[in-house]
Amino acid sequence: PSRGGADWVPDLHFDNSMHVITLLAGRLDIVLEVGEVTLRPGDSIVLPASVHDLRNTTDQPATFVYTSFPLLR
């Protein structure tokens, strides 16, 4: 759950990995270099070698499966 407020600053970072996130319960905001996507239960997102951060702005826990695979280039 969110412990910050309006002063929250994303910690955008890059991973040379493919991340797959599937939300099971709650709500989760995925902050990207070019905007934001909100996941709700049953939603998934694939982030291949991207700049990103995650945040939960609600008072409820967000439960999700997060799988990461290193990308070899």
C-alpha atoms as a PDB file:
ATOM      1  CA  PRO A   1       0.000   0.000   0.000  1.00  0.00           C
ATOM      2  CA  SER A   2       1.024   3.569  -0.641  1.00  0.00           C
ATOM      3  CA  ARG A   3       3.000   5.244   2.098  1.00  0.00           C
ATOM      4  CA  GLY A   4       3.841   8.286   0.035  1.00  0.00           C
ATOM      5  CA  GLY A   5       1.793  11.171  -1.148  1.00  0.00           C
ATOM      6  CA  ALA A   6       1.800  13.686  -3.918  1.00  0.00           C
ATOM      7  CA  ASP A   7       5.561  14.102  -3.432  1.00  0.00           C
ATOM      8  CA  TRP A   8       6.297  10.534  -4.607  1.00  0.00           C
ATOM      9  CA  VAL A   9       8.991  10.464  -7.285  1.00  0.00           C
ATOM     10  CA  PRO A  10       9.349   7.400  -9.515  1.00  0.00           C
ATOM     11  CA  ASP A  11      12.610   5.476  -9.341  1.00  0.00           C
ATOM     12  CA  LEU A  12      12.745   4.762 -13.066  1.00  0.00           C
ATOM     13  CA  HIS A  13      15.419   2.211 -13.788  1.00  0.00           C
ATOM     14  CA  PHE A  14      16.567   0.008 -16.657  1.00  0.00           C
ATOM     15  CA  ASP A  15      17.035  -3.749 -16.494  1.00  0.00           C
ATOM     16  CA  ASN A  16      18.414  -5.750 -19.395  1.00  0.00           C
ATOM     17  CA  SER A  17      15.754  -8.352 -18.633  1.00  0.00           C
ATOM     18  CA  MET A  18      12.275  -9.290 -19.726  1.00  0.00           C
ATOM     19  CA  HIS A  19       9.785  -8.825 -16.887  1.00  0.00           C
ATOM     20  CA  VAL A  20       6.340 -10.406 -16.890  1.00  0.00           C
ATOM     21  CA  ILE A  21       3.937  -9.078 -14.240  1.00  0.00           C
ATOM     22  CA  THR A  22       0.485 -10.555 -13.623  1.00  0.00           C
ATOM     23  CA  LEU A  23      -1.724  -8.864 -11.052  1.00  0.00           C
ATOM     24  CA  LEU A  24      -3.701 -11.228  -8.809  1.00  0.00           C
ATOM     25  CA  ALA A  25      -5.363  -8.742  -6.427  1.00  0.00           C
ATOM     26  CA  GLY A  26      -5.464  -5.004  -5.805  1.00  0.00           C
ATOM     27  CA  ARG A  27      -4.201  -2.389  -8.222  1.00  0.00           C
ATOM     28  CA  LEU A  28      -0.696  -1.653  -9.467  1.00  0.00           C
ATOM     29  CA  ASP A  29       0.574   1.246 -11.537  1.00  0.00           C
ATOM     30  CA  ILE A  30       3.441   0.553 -13.910  1.00  0.00           C
ATOM     31  CA  VAL A  31       5.341   3.778 -14.551  1.00  0.00           C
ATOM     32  CA  LEU A  32       7.103   3.795 -17.914  1.00  0.00           C
ATOM     33  CA  GLU A  33       9.369   6.245 -19.667  1.00  0.00           C
ATOM     34  CA  VAL A  34       6.446   7.366 -21.836  1.00  0.00           C
ATOM     35  CA  GLY A  35       3.499   7.154 -19.438  1.00  0.00           C
ATOM     36  CA  GLU A  36       1.702   4.908 -17.010  1.00  0.00           C
ATOM     37  CA  VAL A  37      -0.365   1.717 -17.161  1.00  0.00           C
ATOM     38  CA  THR A  38      -2.711   0.566 -14.396  1.00  0.00           C
ATOM     39  CA  LEU A  39      -3.049  -3.175 -13.835  1.00  0.00           C
ATOM     40  CA  ARG A  40      -6.166  -4.689 -12.295  1.00  0.00           C
ATOM     41  CA  PRO A  41      -6.697  -8.325 -11.246  1.00  0.00           C
ATOM     42  CA  GLY A  42      -6.161 -10.628 -14.223  1.00  0.00           C
ATOM     43  CA  ASP A  43      -4.093  -8.068 -16.180  1.00  0.00           C
ATOM     44  CA  SER A  44      -0.535  -8.802 -17.304  1.00  0.00           C
ATOM     45  CA  ILE A  45       2.238  -6.734 -18.806  1.00  0.00           C
ATOM     46  CA  VAL A  46       5.487  -7.745 -20.520  1.00  0.00           C
ATOM     47  CA  LEU A  47       8.394  -5.323 -20.162  1.00  0.00           C
ATOM     48  CA  PRO A  48      11.303  -6.264 -22.448  1.00  0.00           C
ATOM     49  CA  ALA A  49      14.443  -4.338 -21.456  1.00  0.00           C
ATOM     50  CA  SER A  50      12.509  -1.232 -20.481  1.00  0.00           C
ATOM     51  CA  VAL A  51      12.770   1.793 -18.217  1.00  0.00           C
ATOM     52  CA  HIS A  52      10.120   1.331 -15.517  1.00  0.00           C
ATOM     53  CA  ASP A  53       8.984   1.509 -11.891  1.00  0.00           C
ATOM     54  CA  LEU A  54       6.053   0.034  -9.955  1.00  0.00           C
ATOM     55  CA  ARG A  55       3.773   1.733  -7.454  1.00  0.00           C
ATOM     56  CA  ASN A  56       0.640   1.030  -5.484  1.00  0.00           C
ATOM     57  CA  THR A  57      -1.299   4.228  -4.747  1.00  0.00           C
ATOM     58  CA  THR A  58      -4.122   2.517  -2.864  1.00  0.00           C
ATOM     59  CA  ASP A  59      -4.567   1.554   0.777  1.00  0.00           C
ATOM     60  CA  GLN A  60      -4.915  -2.115  -0.201  1.00  0.00           C
ATOM     61  CA  PRO A  61      -2.075  -4.564  -0.884  1.00  0.00           C
ATOM     62  CA  ALA A  62      -1.296  -5.450  -4.482  1.00  0.00           C
ATOM     63  CA  THR A  63      -0.544  -9.136  -5.007  1.00  0.00           C
ATOM     64  CA  PHE A  64       1.248 -10.050  -8.214  1.00  0.00           C
ATOM     65  CA  VAL A  65       3.490 -12.624  -9.861  1.00  0.00           C
ATOM     66  CA  TYR A  66       6.730 -11.072 -11.099  1.00  0.00           C
ATOM     67  CA  THR A  67       8.956 -13.147 -13.367  1.00  0.00           C
ATOM     68  CA  SER A  68      12.210 -11.855 -14.778  1.00  0.00           C
ATOM     69  CA  PHE A  69      14.392 -13.380 -17.504  1.00  0.00           C
ATOM     70  CA  PRO A  70      17.830 -11.977 -18.353  1.00  0.00           C
ATOM     71  CA  LEU A  71      18.238 -10.900 -21.962  1.00  0.00           C
ATOM     72  CA  LEU A  72      21.480 -11.805 -23.659  1.00  0.00           C
ATOM     73  CA  ARG A  73      22.580  -9.441 -26.418  1.00  0.00           C
END
